[in-house]
Amino acid sequence: FVSAIGRTNNRYYSDSVKGRCTISRDNAKNTVYLQMNNLKPEDAAV
């Protein structure tokens, strides 16, 4: 698990990414985003 966003925009993060990532959703565009900053080698993954 990395991050989740609820139906009412509650946001949750794993300890490994908290403070470096931001999840958001745009219901008008039917899109969810994950902004990732200060990426580390251990963040490499699918």
PDB file of all heavy atoms in Angstrom:
ATOM      1  N   PHE A   1       0.819  -1.198   0.000  1.00  0.00           N
ATOM      2  CA  PHE A   1       0.000   0.000   0.000  1.00  0.00           C
ATOM      3  C   PHE A   1       0.855   1.250   0.000  1.00  0.00           C
ATOM      4  O   PHE A   1       1.877   1.319   0.680  1.00  0.00           O
ATOM      5  CB  PHE A   1      -0.911  -0.001   1.234  1.00  0.00           C
ATOM      6  CG  PHE A   1      -1.656   1.278   1.444  1.00  0.00           C
ATOM      7  CD1 PHE A   1      -2.788   1.572   0.712  1.00  0.00           C
ATOM      8  CD2 PHE A   1      -1.222   2.201   2.382  1.00  0.00           C
ATOM      9  CE1 PHE A   1      -3.477   2.754   0.902  1.00  0.00           C
ATOM     10  CE2 PHE A   1      -1.896   3.383   2.585  1.00  0.00           C
ATOM     11  CZ  PHE A   1      -3.030   3.658   1.836  1.00  0.00           C
ATOM     12  N   VAL A   2       0.428   2.258  -0.765  1.00  0.00           N
ATOM     13  CA  VAL A   2       1.107   3.548  -0.799  1.00  0.00           C
ATOM     14  C   VAL A   2       0.211   4.658  -0.257  1.00  0.00           C
ATOM     15  O   VAL A   2       0.574   5.373   0.678  1.00  0.00           O
ATOM     16  CB  VAL A   2       1.571   3.902  -2.221  1.00  0.00           C
ATOM     17  CG1 VAL A   2       2.215   5.289  -2.242  1.00  0.00           C
ATOM     18  CG2 VAL A   2       2.544   2.851  -2.748  1.00  0.00           C
ATOM     19  N   SER A   3      -0.975   4.800  -0.846  1.00  0.00           N
ATOM     20  CA  SER A   3      -1.843   5.913  -0.477  1.00  0.00           C
ATOM     21  C   SER A   3      -3.270   5.615  -0.901  1.00  0.00           C
ATOM     22  O   SER A   3      -3.510   4.820  -1.807  1.00  0.00           O
ATOM     23  CB  SER A   3      -1.352   7.211  -1.140  1.00  0.00           C
ATOM     24  OG  SER A   3      -2.117   8.324  -0.721  1.00  0.00           O
ATOM     25  N   ALA A   4      -4.230   6.266  -0.249  1.00  0.00           N
ATOM     26  CA  ALA A   4      -5.639   6.120  -0.586  1.00  0.00           C
ATOM     27  C   ALA A   4      -6.367   7.430  -0.362  1.00  0.00           C
ATOM     28  O   ALA A   4      -5.971   8.237   0.487  1.00  0.00           O
ATOM     29  CB  ALA A   4      -6.295   5.012   0.250  1.00  0.00           C
ATOM     30  N   ILE A   5      -7.431   7.617  -1.118  1.00  0.00           N
ATOM     31  CA  ILE A   5      -8.294   8.778  -0.941  1.00  0.00           C
ATOM     32  C   ILE A   5      -9.735   8.300  -0.963  1.00  0.00           C
ATOM     33  O   ILE A   5     -10.143   7.543  -1.840  1.00  0.00           O
ATOM     34  CB  ILE A   5      -8.016   9.861  -2.002  1.00  0.00           C
ATOM     35  CG1 ILE A   5      -8.833  11.125  -1.712  1.00  0.00           C
ATOM     36  CG2 ILE A   5      -8.264   9.346  -3.413  1.00  0.00           C
ATOM     37  CD1 ILE A   5      -8.337  12.335  -2.490  1.00  0.00           C
ATOM     38  N   GLY A   6     -10.500   8.743   0.027  1.00  0.00           N
ATOM     39  CA  GLY A   6     -11.851   8.275   0.196  1.00  0.00           C
ATOM     40  C   GLY A   6     -12.859   9.062  -0.607  1.00  0.00           C
ATOM     41  O   GLY A   6     -12.537  10.011  -1.328  1.00  0.00           O
ATOM     42  N   ARG A   7     -14.104   8.650  -0.466  1.00  0.00           N
ATOM     43  CA  ARG A   7     -15.192   9.301  -1.195  1.00  0.00           C
ATOM     44  C   ARG A   7     -15.399  10.745  -0.761  1.00  0.00           C
ATOM     45  O   ARG A   7     -15.882  11.560  -1.557  1.00  0.00           O
ATOM     46  CB  ARG A   7     -16.482   8.510  -0.986  1.00  0.00           C
ATOM     47  CG  ARG A   7     -16.397   7.057  -1.427  1.00  0.00           C
ATOM     48  CD  ARG A   7     -17.650   6.285  -1.028  1.00  0.00           C
ATOM     49  NE  ARG A   7     -17.541   4.873  -1.342  1.00  0.00           N
ATOM     50  CZ  ARG A   7     -17.056   3.966  -0.510  1.00  0.00           C
ATOM     51  NH1 ARG A   7     -16.630   4.319   0.693  1.00  0.00           N
ATOM     52  NH2 ARG A   7     -16.999   2.690  -0.881  1.00  0.00           N
ATOM     53  N   THR A   8     -15.032  11.049   0.464  1.00  0.00           N
ATOM     54  CA  THR A   8     -15.157  12.399   0.987  1.00  0.00           C
ATOM     55  C   THR A   8     -13.797  13.075   1.141  1.00  0.00           C
ATOM     56  O   THR A   8     -13.649  14.007   1.927  1.00  0.00           O
ATOM     57  CB  THR A   8     -15.902  12.391   2.328  1.00  0.00           C
ATOM     58  OG1 THR A   8     -15.219  11.552   3.258  1.00  0.00           O
ATOM     59  CG2 THR A   8     -17.323  11.886   2.134  1.00  0.00           C
ATOM     60  N   ASN A   9     -12.801  12.601   0.395  1.00  0.00           N
ATOM     61  CA  ASN A   9     -11.468  13.189   0.328  1.00  0.00           C
ATOM     62  C   ASN A   9     -10.634  12.988   1.581  1.00  0.00           C
ATOM     63  O   ASN A   9      -9.670  13.731   1.809  1.00  0.00           O
ATOM     64  CB  ASN A   9     -11.534  14.676  -0.019  1.00  0.00           C
ATOM     65  CG  ASN A   9     -11.835  14.928  -1.479  1.00  0.00           C
ATOM     66  OD1 ASN A   9     -11.476  14.124  -2.342  1.00  0.00           O
ATOM     67  ND2 ASN A   9     -12.493  16.032  -1.770  1.00  0.00           N
ATOM     68  N   ASN A  10     -10.976  12.004   2.390  1.00  0.00           N
ATOM     69  CA  ASN A  10     -10.050  11.582   3.433  1.00  0.00           C
ATOM     70  C   ASN A  10      -8.808  10.992   2.776  1.00  0.00           C
ATOM     71  O   ASN A  10      -8.902  10.223   1.824  1.00  0.00           O
ATOM     72  CB  ASN A  10     -10.684  10.543   4.349  1.00  0.00           C
ATOM     73  CG  ASN A  10     -11.870  11.099   5.108  1.00  0.00           C
ATOM     74  OD1 ASN A  10     -11.858  12.241   5.562  1.00  0.00           O
ATOM     75  ND2 ASN A  10     -12.906  10.289   5.258  1.00  0.00           N
ATOM     76  N   ARG A  11      -7.647  11.339   3.280  1.00  0.00           N
ATOM     77  CA  ARG A  11      -6.387  10.923   2.681  1.00  0.00           C
ATOM     78  C   ARG A  11      -5.565  10.096   3.652  1.00  0.00           C
ATOM     79  O   ARG A  11      -5.484  10.411   4.839  1.00  0.00           O
ATOM     80  CB  ARG A  11      -5.592  12.143   2.212  1.00  0.00           C
ATOM     81  CG  ARG A  11      -6.254  12.898   1.076  1.00  0.00           C
ATOM     82  CD  ARG A  11      -5.565  14.216   0.811  1.00  0.00           C
ATOM     83  NE  ARG A  11      -6.031  14.849  -0.415  1.00  0.00           N
ATOM     84  CZ  ARG A  11      -7.107  15.619  -0.501  1.00  0.00           C
ATOM     85  NH1 ARG A  11      -7.848  15.857   0.570  1.00  0.00           N
ATOM     86  NH2 ARG A  11      -7.445  16.156  -1.668  1.00  0.00           N
ATOM     87  N   TYR A  12      -4.934   9.056   3.122  1.00  0.00           N
ATOM     88  CA  TYR A  12      -4.165   8.131   3.933  1.00  0.00           C
ATOM     89  C   TYR A  12      -2.869   7.802   3.206  1.00  0.00           C
ATOM     90  O   TYR A  12      -2.832   7.711   1.978  1.00  0.00           O
ATOM     91  CB  TYR A  12      -4.963   6.850   4.194  1.00  0.00           C
ATOM     92  CG  TYR A  12      -6.356   7.113   4.708  1.00  0.00           C
ATOM     93  CD1 TYR A  12      -7.427   7.205   3.836  1.00  0.00           C
ATOM     94  CD2 TYR A  12      -6.591   7.282   6.065  1.00  0.00           C
ATOM     95  CE1 TYR A  12      -8.710   7.456   4.299  1.00  0.00           C
ATOM     96  CE2 TYR A  12      -7.869   7.540   6.536  1.00  0.00           C
ATOM     97  CZ  TYR A  12      -8.921   7.623   5.653  1.00  0.00           C
ATOM     98  OH  TYR A  12     -10.184   7.877   6.126  1.00  0.00           O
ATOM     99  N   TYR A  13      -1.803   7.605   3.983  1.00  0.00           N
ATOM    100  CA  TYR A  13      -0.486   7.347   3.415  1.00  0.00           C
ATOM    101  C   TYR A  13       0.236   6.275   4.217  1.00  0.00           C
ATOM    102  O   TYR A  13       0.069   6.163   5.435  1.00  0.00           O
ATOM    103  CB  TYR A  13       0.373   8.617   3.419  1.00  0.00           C
ATOM    104  CG  TYR A  13      -0.225   9.764   2.653  1.00  0.00           C
ATOM    105  CD1 TYR A  13      -1.005  10.718   3.293  1.00  0.00           C
ATOM    106  CD2 TYR A  13      -0.003   9.893   1.288  1.00  0.00           C
ATOM    107  CE1 TYR A  13      -1.556  11.776   2.588  1.00  0.00           C
ATOM    108  CE2 TYR A  13      -0.555  10.951   0.578  1.00  0.00           C
ATOM    109  CZ  TYR A  13      -1.331  11.887   1.235  1.00  0.00           C
ATOM    110  OH  TYR A  13      -1.874  12.929   0.529  1.00  0.00           O
ATOM    111  N   SER A  14       1.044   5.505   3.520  1.00  0.00           N
ATOM    112  CA  SER A  14       1.940   4.603   4.217  1.00  0.00           C
ATOM    113  C   SER A  14       3.041   5.409   4.895  1.00  0.00           C
ATOM    114  O   SER A  14       3.363   6.529   4.480  1.00  0.00           O
ATOM    115  CB  SER A  14       2.546   3.586   3.251  1.00  0.00           C
ATOM    116  OG  SER A  14       3.443   4.218   2.346  1.00  0.00           O
ATOM    117  N   ASP A  15       3.633   4.833   5.929  1.00  0.00           N
ATOM    118  CA  ASP A  15       4.702   5.530   6.630  1.00  0.00           C
ATOM    119  C   ASP A  15       5.888   5.819   5.713  1.00  0.00           C
ATOM    120  O   ASP A  15       6.594   6.813   5.893  1.00  0.00           O
ATOM    121  CB  ASP A  15       5.162   4.703   7.831  1.00  0.00           C
ATOM    122  CG  ASP A  15       4.129   4.654   8.934  1.00  0.00           C
ATOM    123  OD1 ASP A  15       3.231   5.523   8.959  1.00  0.00           O
ATOM    124  OD2 ASP A  15       4.218   3.747   9.783  1.00  0.00           O
ATOM    125  N   SER A  16       6.108   4.977   4.724  1.00  0.00           N
ATOM    126  CA  SER A  16       7.272   5.123   3.863  1.00  0.00           C
ATOM    127  C   SER A  16       7.192   6.335   2.944  1.00  0.00           C
ATOM    128  O   SER A  16       8.228   6.814   2.474  1.00  0.00           O
ATOM    129  CB  SER A  16       7.485   3.856   3.033  1.00  0.00           C
ATOM    130  OG  SER A  16       6.376   3.610   2.189  1.00  0.00           O
ATOM    131  N   VAL A  17       5.985   6.844   2.664  1.00  0.00           N
ATOM    132  CA  VAL A  17       5.848   7.973   1.755  1.00  0.00           C
ATOM    133  C   VAL A  17       5.254   9.204   2.415  1.00  0.00           C
ATOM    134  O   VAL A  17       5.224  10.275   1.794  1.00  0.00           O
ATOM    135  CB  VAL A  17       4.998   7.611   0.517  1.00  0.00           C
ATOM    136  CG1 VAL A  17       5.575   6.401  -0.197  1.00  0.00           C
ATOM    137  CG2 VAL A  17       3.541   7.373   0.899  1.00  0.00           C
ATOM    138  N   LYS A  18       4.796   9.085   3.631  1.00  0.00           N
ATOM    139  CA  LYS A  18       4.169  10.213   4.307  1.00  0.00           C
ATOM    140  C   LYS A  18       5.131  11.401   4.381  1.00  0.00           C
ATOM    141  O   LYS A  18       6.290  11.254   4.750  1.00  0.00           O
ATOM    142  CB  LYS A  18       3.719   9.808   5.710  1.00  0.00           C
ATOM    143  CG  LYS A  18       2.887  10.861   6.432  1.00  0.00           C
ATOM    144  CD  LYS A  18       2.367  10.328   7.762  1.00  0.00           C
ATOM    145  CE  LYS A  18       1.418   9.173   7.570  1.00  0.00           C
ATOM    146  NZ  LYS A  18       0.842   8.703   8.868  1.00  0.00           N
ATOM    147  N   GLY A  19       4.621  12.561   3.991  1.00  0.00           N
ATOM    148  CA  GLY A  19       5.439  13.755   3.962  1.00  0.00           C
ATOM    149  C   GLY A  19       6.099  14.016   2.629  1.00  0.00           C
ATOM    150  O   GLY A  19       6.583  15.128   2.391  1.00  0.00           O
ATOM    151  N   ARG A  20       6.133  13.025   1.750  1.00  0.00           N
ATOM    152  CA  ARG A  20       6.751  13.174   0.437  1.00  0.00           C
ATOM    153  C   ARG A  20       5.743  13.047  -0.693  1.00  0.00           C
ATOM    154  O   ARG A  20       6.055  13.439  -1.819  1.00  0.00           O
ATOM    155  CB  ARG A  20       7.856  12.139   0.242  1.00  0.00           C
ATOM    156  CG  ARG A  20       8.982  12.254   1.254  1.00  0.00           C
ATOM    157  CD  ARG A  20      10.148  11.343   0.902  1.00  0.00           C
ATOM    158  NE  ARG A  20       9.770   9.937   0.974  1.00  0.00           N
ATOM    159  CZ  ARG A  20       9.803   9.103  -0.059  1.00  0.00           C
ATOM    160  NH1 ARG A  20      10.204   9.534  -1.250  1.00  0.00           N
ATOM    161  NH2 ARG A  20       9.451   7.833   0.094  1.00  0.00           N
ATOM    162  N   CYS A  21       4.566  12.508  -0.406  1.00  0.00           N
ATOM    163  CA  CYS A  21       3.567  12.266  -1.439  1.00  0.00           C
ATOM    164  C   CYS A  21       2.242  12.916  -1.067  1.00  0.00           C
ATOM    165  O   CYS A  21       1.911  13.049   0.115  1.00  0.00           O
ATOM    166  CB  CYS A  21       3.342  10.774  -1.655  1.00  0.00           C
ATOM    167  SG  CYS A  21       4.778   9.899  -2.311  1.00  0.00           S
ATOM    168  N   THR A  22       1.491  13.287  -2.093  1.00  0.00           N
ATOM    169  CA  THR A  22       0.169  13.856  -1.910  1.00  0.00           C
ATOM    170  C   THR A  22      -0.791  13.208  -2.893  1.00  0.00           C
ATOM    171  O   THR A  22      -0.550  13.221  -4.103  1.00  0.00           O
ATOM    172  CB  THR A  22       0.166  15.374  -2.126  1.00  0.00           C
ATOM    173  OG1 THR A  22       1.076  15.997  -1.221  1.00  0.00           O
ATOM    174  CG2 THR A  22      -1.235  15.939  -1.885  1.00  0.00           C
ATOM    175  N   ILE A  23      -1.871  12.640  -2.381  1.00  0.00           N
ATOM    176  CA  ILE A  23      -2.897  12.062  -3.229  1.00  0.00           C
ATOM    177  C   ILE A  23      -4.051  13.053  -3.332  1.00  0.00           C
ATOM    178  O   ILE A  23      -4.373  13.756  -2.371  1.00  0.00           O
ATOM    179  CB  ILE A  23      -3.377  10.696  -2.694  1.00  0.00           C
ATOM    180  CG1 ILE A  23      -4.258   9.984  -3.723  1.00  0.00           C
ATOM    181  CG2 ILE A  23      -4.099  10.842  -1.359  1.00  0.00           C
ATOM    182  CD1 ILE A  23      -4.571   8.536  -3.358  1.00  0.00           C
ATOM    183  N   SER A  24      -4.654  13.124  -4.499  1.00  0.00           N
ATOM    184  CA  SER A  24      -5.784  14.014  -4.711  1.00  0.00           C
ATOM    185  C   SER A  24      -6.702  13.419  -5.769  1.00  0.00           C
ATOM    186  O   SER A  24      -6.309  12.511  -6.507  1.00  0.00           O
ATOM    187  CB  SER A  24      -5.318  15.414  -5.127  1.00  0.00           C
ATOM    188  OG  SER A  24      -4.601  15.370  -6.346  1.00  0.00           O
ATOM    189  N   ARG A  25      -7.915  13.919  -5.820  1.00  0.00           N
ATOM    190  CA  ARG A  25      -8.855  13.454  -6.833  1.00  0.00           C
ATOM    191  C   ARG A  25      -9.613  14.629  -7.416  1.00  0.00           C
ATOM    192  O   ARG A  25      -9.907  15.612  -6.722  1.00  0.00           O
ATOM    193  CB  ARG A  25      -9.819  12.404  -6.268  1.00  0.00           C
ATOM    194  CG  ARG A  25     -10.794  12.914  -5.216  1.00  0.00           C
ATOM    195  CD  ARG A  25     -11.526  11.754  -4.540  1.00  0.00           C
ATOM    196  NE  ARG A  25     -12.347  11.007  -5.474  1.00  0.00           N
ATOM    197  CZ  ARG A  25     -12.790   9.770  -5.265  1.00  0.00           C
ATOM    198  NH1 ARG A  25     -12.454   9.125  -4.142  1.00  0.00           N
ATOM    199  NH2 ARG A  25     -13.549   9.165  -6.174  1.00  0.00           N
ATOM    200  N   ASP A  26      -9.925  14.516  -8.689  1.00  0.00           N
ATOM    201  CA  ASP A  26     -10.705  15.508  -9.400  1.00  0.00           C
ATOM    202  C   ASP A  26     -11.899  14.776  -9.980  1.00  0.00           C
ATOM    203  O   ASP A  26     -11.800  14.121 -11.018  1.00  0.00           O
ATOM    204  CB  ASP A  26      -9.877  16.176 -10.495  1.00  0.00           C
ATOM    205  CG  ASP A  26     -10.605  17.322 -11.173  1.00  0.00           C
ATOM    206  OD1 ASP A  26     -11.847  17.379 -11.111  1.00  0.00           O
ATOM    207  OD2 ASP A  26      -9.923  18.180 -11.771  1.00  0.00           O
ATOM    208  N   ASN A  27     -13.029  14.867  -9.300  1.00  0.00           N
ATOM    209  CA  ASN A  27     -14.206  14.120  -9.734  1.00  0.00           C
ATOM    210  C   ASN A  27     -14.733  14.599 -11.083  1.00  0.00           C
ATOM    211  O   ASN A  27     -15.320  13.817 -11.831  1.00  0.00           O
ATOM    212  CB  ASN A  27     -15.299  14.212  -8.676  1.00  0.00           C
ATOM    213  CG  ASN A  27     -14.994  13.388  -7.438  1.00  0.00           C
ATOM    214  OD1 ASN A  27     -14.059  12.587  -7.428  1.00  0.00           O
ATOM    215  ND2 ASN A  27     -15.767  13.582  -6.390  1.00  0.00           N
ATOM    216  N   ALA A  28     -14.533  15.869 -11.401  1.00  0.00           N
ATOM    217  CA  ALA A  28     -14.971  16.381 -12.691  1.00  0.00           C
ATOM    218  C   ALA A  28     -14.201  15.743 -13.837  1.00  0.00           C
ATOM    219  O   ALA A  28     -14.733  15.606 -14.943  1.00  0.00           O
ATOM    220  CB  ALA A  28     -14.833  17.896 -12.737  1.00  0.00           C
ATOM    221  N   LYS A  29     -12.949  15.367 -13.591  1.00  0.00           N
ATOM    222  CA  LYS A  29     -12.122  14.730 -14.607  1.00  0.00           C
ATOM    223  C   LYS A  29     -12.031  13.221 -14.433  1.00  0.00           C
ATOM    224  O   LYS A  29     -11.351  12.556 -15.210  1.00  0.00           O
ATOM    225  CB  LYS A  29     -10.714  15.315 -14.584  1.00  0.00           C
ATOM    226  CG  LYS A  29     -10.646  16.785 -14.951  1.00  0.00           C
ATOM    227  CD  LYS A  29      -9.211  17.275 -14.951  1.00  0.00           C
ATOM    228  CE  LYS A  29      -9.126  18.732 -15.363  1.00  0.00           C
ATOM    229  NZ  LYS A  29      -7.728  19.225 -15.363  1.00  0.00           N
ATOM    230  N   ASN A  30     -12.700  12.688 -13.417  1.00  0.00           N
ATOM    231  CA  ASN A  30     -12.642  11.253 -13.125  1.00  0.00           C
ATOM    232  C   ASN A  30     -11.196  10.778 -12.995  1.00  0.00           C
ATOM    233  O   ASN A  30     -10.819   9.724 -13.525  1.00  0.00           O
ATOM    234  CB  ASN A  30     -13.365  10.447 -14.201  1.00  0.00           C
ATOM    235  CG  ASN A  30     -14.870  10.475 -14.040  1.00  0.00           C
ATOM    236  OD1 ASN A  30     -15.417  11.244 -13.256  1.00  0.00           O
ATOM    237  ND2 ASN A  30     -15.555   9.627 -14.796  1.00  0.00           N
ATOM    238  N   THR A  31     -10.390  11.534 -12.278  1.00  0.00           N
ATOM    239  CA  THR A  31      -8.967  11.255 -12.202  1.00  0.00           C
ATOM    240  C   THR A  31      -8.470  11.363 -10.766  1.00  0.00           C
ATOM    241  O   THR A  31      -8.873  12.265 -10.028  1.00  0.00           O
ATOM    242  CB  THR A  31      -8.173  12.226 -13.089  1.00  0.00           C
ATOM    243  OG1 THR A  31      -8.609  12.087 -14.444  1.00  0.00           O
ATOM    244  CG2 THR A  31      -6.686  11.926 -13.029  1.00  0.00           C
ATOM    245  N   VAL A  32      -7.594  10.442 -10.394  1.00  0.00           N
ATOM    246  CA  VAL A  32      -6.883  10.508  -9.133  1.00  0.00           C
ATOM    247  C   VAL A  32      -5.405  10.690  -9.437  1.00  0.00           C
ATOM    248  O   VAL A  32      -4.886  10.130 -10.410  1.00  0.00           O
ATOM    249  CB  VAL A  32      -7.140   9.253  -8.265  1.00  0.00           C
ATOM    250  CG1 VAL A  32      -6.643   7.991  -8.960  1.00  0.00           C
ATOM    251  CG2 VAL A  32      -6.507   9.410  -6.889  1.00  0.00           C
ATOM    252  N   TYR A  33      -4.730  11.478  -8.619  1.00  0.00           N
ATOM    253  CA  TYR A  33      -3.321  11.791  -8.811  1.00  0.00           C
ATOM    254  C   TYR A  33      -2.515  11.377  -7.593  1.00  0.00           C
ATOM    255  O   TYR A  33      -3.016  11.361  -6.469  1.00  0.00           O
ATOM    256  CB  TYR A  33      -3.114  13.292  -9.033  1.00  0.00           C
ATOM    257  CG  TYR A  33      -3.920  13.881 -10.157  1.00  0.00           C
ATOM    258  CD1 TYR A  33      -5.146  14.487  -9.917  1.00  0.00           C
ATOM    259  CD2 TYR A  33      -3.448  13.838 -11.464  1.00  0.00           C
ATOM    260  CE1 TYR A  33      -5.887  15.040 -10.941  1.00  0.00           C
ATOM    261  CE2 TYR A  33      -4.182  14.385 -12.497  1.00  0.00           C
ATOM    262  CZ  TYR A  33      -5.395  14.985 -12.240  1.00  0.00           C
ATOM    263  OH  TYR A  33      -6.128  15.538 -13.271  1.00  0.00           O
ATOM    264  N   LEU A  34      -1.260  11.070  -7.830  1.00  0.00           N
ATOM    265  CA  LEU A  34      -0.298  10.891  -6.756  1.00  0.00           C
ATOM    266  C   LEU A  34       0.935  11.711  -7.100  1.00  0.00           C
ATOM    267  O   LEU A  34       1.696  11.348  -7.998  1.00  0.00           O
ATOM    268  CB  LEU A  34       0.074   9.423  -6.557  1.00  0.00           C
ATOM    269  CG  LEU A  34       1.020   9.155  -5.384  1.00  0.00           C
ATOM    270  CD1 LEU A  34       0.314   9.434  -4.054  1.00  0.00           C
ATOM    271  CD2 LEU A  34       1.541   7.724  -5.415  1.00  0.00           C
ATOM    272  N   GLN A  35       1.101  12.825  -6.407  1.00  0.00           N
ATOM    273  CA  GLN A  35       2.289  13.647  -6.561  1.00  0.00           C
ATOM    274  C   GLN A  35       3.373  13.109  -5.640  1.00  0.00           C
ATOM    275  O   GLN A  35       3.169  13.024  -4.427  1.00  0.00           O
ATOM    276  CB  GLN A  35       1.981  15.104  -6.214  1.00  0.00           C
ATOM    277  CG  GLN A  35       3.180  16.036  -6.283  1.00  0.00           C
ATOM    278  CD  GLN A  35       3.674  16.242  -7.690  1.00  0.00           C
ATOM    279  OE1 GLN A  35       2.885  16.459  -8.597  1.00  0.00           O
ATOM    280  NE2 GLN A  35       4.986  16.175  -7.883  1.00  0.00           N
ATOM    281  N   MET A  36       4.509  12.754  -6.203  1.00  0.00           N
ATOM    282  CA  MET A  36       5.606  12.180  -5.449  1.00  0.00           C
ATOM    283  C   MET A  36       6.819  13.095  -5.558  1.00  0.00           C
ATOM    284  O   MET A  36       7.281  13.384  -6.663  1.00  0.00           O
ATOM    285  CB  MET A  36       5.947  10.777  -5.948  1.00  0.00           C
ATOM    286  CG  MET A  36       4.776   9.808  -5.887  1.00  0.00           C
ATOM    287  SD  MET A  36       5.266   8.097  -6.211  1.00  0.00           S
ATOM    288  CE  MET A  36       5.760   8.235  -7.926  1.00  0.00           C
ATOM    289  N   ASN A  37       7.315  13.532  -4.415  1.00  0.00           N
ATOM    290  CA  ASN A  37       8.476  14.410  -4.347  1.00  0.00           C
ATOM    291  C   ASN A  37       9.601  13.735  -3.573  1.00  0.00           C
ATOM    292  O   ASN A  37       9.379  12.790  -2.818  1.00  0.00           O
ATOM    293  CB  ASN A  37       8.100  15.730  -3.672  1.00  0.00           C
ATOM    294  CG  ASN A  37       7.002  16.481  -4.387  1.00  0.00           C
ATOM    295  OD1 ASN A  37       6.976  16.532  -5.622  1.00  0.00           O
ATOM    296  ND2 ASN A  37       6.092  17.075  -3.624  1.00  0.00           N
ATOM    297  N   ASN A  38      10.799  14.257  -3.766  1.00  0.00           N
ATOM    298  CA  ASN A  38      11.971  13.735  -3.059  1.00  0.00           C
ATOM    299  C   ASN A  38      12.074  12.221  -3.178  1.00  0.00           C
ATOM    300  O   ASN A  38      12.270  11.510  -2.193  1.00  0.00           O
ATOM    301  CB  ASN A  38      11.933  14.157  -1.588  1.00  0.00           C
ATOM    302  CG  ASN A  38      11.976  15.654  -1.405  1.00  0.00           C
ATOM    303  OD1 ASN A  38      12.743  16.342  -2.068  1.00  0.00           O
ATOM    304  ND2 ASN A  38      11.150  16.162  -0.496  1.00  0.00           N
ATOM    305  N   LEU A  39      11.969  11.749  -4.384  1.00  0.00           N
ATOM    306  CA  LEU A  39      11.973  10.311  -4.615  1.00  0.00           C
ATOM    307  C   LEU A  39      13.309   9.685  -4.239  1.00  0.00           C
ATOM    308  O   LEU A  39      14.371  10.273  -4.453  1.00  0.00           O
ATOM    309  CB  LEU A  39      11.633  10.013  -6.065  1.00  0.00           C
ATOM    310  CG  LEU A  39      10.152  10.208  -6.404  1.00  0.00           C
ATOM    311  CD1 LEU A  39       9.954  10.311  -7.909  1.00  0.00           C
ATOM    312  CD2 LEU A  39       9.325   9.063  -5.830  1.00  0.00           C
ATOM    313  N   LYS A  40      13.230   8.493  -3.684  1.00  0.00           N
ATOM    314  CA  LYS A  40      14.387   7.746  -3.231  1.00  0.00           C
ATOM    315  C   LYS A  40      14.522   6.465  -4.045  1.00  0.00           C
ATOM    316  O   LYS A  40      13.547   5.989  -4.626  1.00  0.00           O
ATOM    317  CB  LYS A  40      14.240   7.392  -1.748  1.00  0.00           C
ATOM    318  CG  LYS A  40      14.020   8.580  -0.840  1.00  0.00           C
ATOM    319  CD  LYS A  40      13.769   8.127   0.589  1.00  0.00           C
ATOM    320  CE  LYS A  40      13.527   9.308   1.508  1.00  0.00           C
ATOM    321  NZ  LYS A  40      13.256   8.865   2.902  1.00  0.00           N
ATOM    322  N   PRO A  41      15.714   5.887  -4.095  1.00  0.00           N
ATOM    323  CA  PRO A  41      15.871   4.625  -4.833  1.00  0.00           C
ATOM    324  C   PRO A  41      14.901   3.543  -4.375  1.00  0.00           C
ATOM    325  O   PRO A  41      14.437   2.752  -5.208  1.00  0.00           O
ATOM    326  CB  PRO A  41      17.325   4.235  -4.548  1.00  0.00           C
ATOM    327  CG  PRO A  41      18.016   5.540  -4.344  1.00  0.00           C
ATOM    328  CD  PRO A  41      17.012   6.408  -3.626  1.00  0.00           C
ATOM    329  N   GLU A  42      14.560   3.499  -3.099  1.00  0.00           N
ATOM    330  CA  GLU A  42      13.639   2.493  -2.609  1.00  0.00           C
ATOM    331  C   GLU A  42      12.197   2.726  -3.049  1.00  0.00           C
ATOM    332  O   GLU A  42      11.335   1.868  -2.828  1.00  0.00           O
ATOM    333  CB  GLU A  42      13.703   2.395  -1.078  1.00  0.00           C
ATOM    334  CG  GLU A  42      13.510   3.719  -0.359  1.00  0.00           C
ATOM    335  CD  GLU A  42      14.820   4.381   0.020  1.00  0.00           C
ATOM    336  OE1 GLU A  42      15.761   4.339  -0.787  1.00  0.00           O
ATOM    337  OE2 GLU A  42      14.902   4.942   1.140  1.00  0.00           O
ATOM    338  N   ASP A  43      11.910   3.870  -3.665  1.00  0.00           N
ATOM    339  CA  ASP A  43      10.594   4.122  -4.229  1.00  0.00           C
ATOM    340  C   ASP A  43      10.407   3.470  -5.595  1.00  0.00           C
ATOM    341  O   ASP A  43       9.292   3.452  -6.119  1.00  0.00           O
ATOM    342  CB  ASP A  43      10.335   5.623  -4.366  1.00  0.00           C
ATOM    343  CG  ASP A  43      10.246   6.333  -3.027  1.00  0.00           C
ATOM    344  OD1 ASP A  43       9.630   5.776  -2.100  1.00  0.00           O
ATOM    345  OD2 ASP A  43      10.781   7.451  -2.921  1.00  0.00           O
ATOM    346  N   ALA A  44      11.464   2.973  -6.186  1.00  0.00           N
ATOM    347  CA  ALA A  44      11.376   2.360  -7.503  1.00  0.00           C
ATOM    348  C   ALA A  44      10.479   1.135  -7.455  1.00  0.00           C
ATOM    349  O   ALA A  44      10.656   0.243  -6.618  1.00  0.00           O
ATOM    350  CB  ALA A  44      12.770   1.985  -8.007  1.00  0.00           C
ATOM    351  N   ALA A  45       9.503   1.096  -8.335  1.00  0.00           N
ATOM    352  CA  ALA A  45       8.528   0.015  -8.345  1.00  0.00           C
ATOM    353  C   ALA A  45       7.575   0.229  -9.509  1.00  0.00           C
ATOM    354  O   ALA A  45       7.567   1.287 -10.148  1.00  0.00           O
ATOM    355  CB  ALA A  45       7.737  -0.026  -7.033  1.00  0.00           C
ATOM    356  N   VAL A  46       6.756  -0.769  -9.763  1.00  0.00           N
ATOM    357  CA  VAL A  46       5.592  -0.590 -10.613  1.00  0.00           C
ATOM    358  C   VAL A  46       4.453  -0.113  -9.715  1.00  0.00           C
ATOM    359  O   VAL A  46       4.127  -0.766  -8.722  1.00  0.00           O
ATOM    360  CB  VAL A  46       5.199  -1.874 -11.348  1.00  0.00           C
ATOM    361  CG1 VAL A  46       3.938  -1.650 -12.180  1.00  0.00           C
ATOM    362  CG2 VAL A  46       6.339  -2.352 -12.240  1.00  0.00           C
TER     363      VAL A  46
END
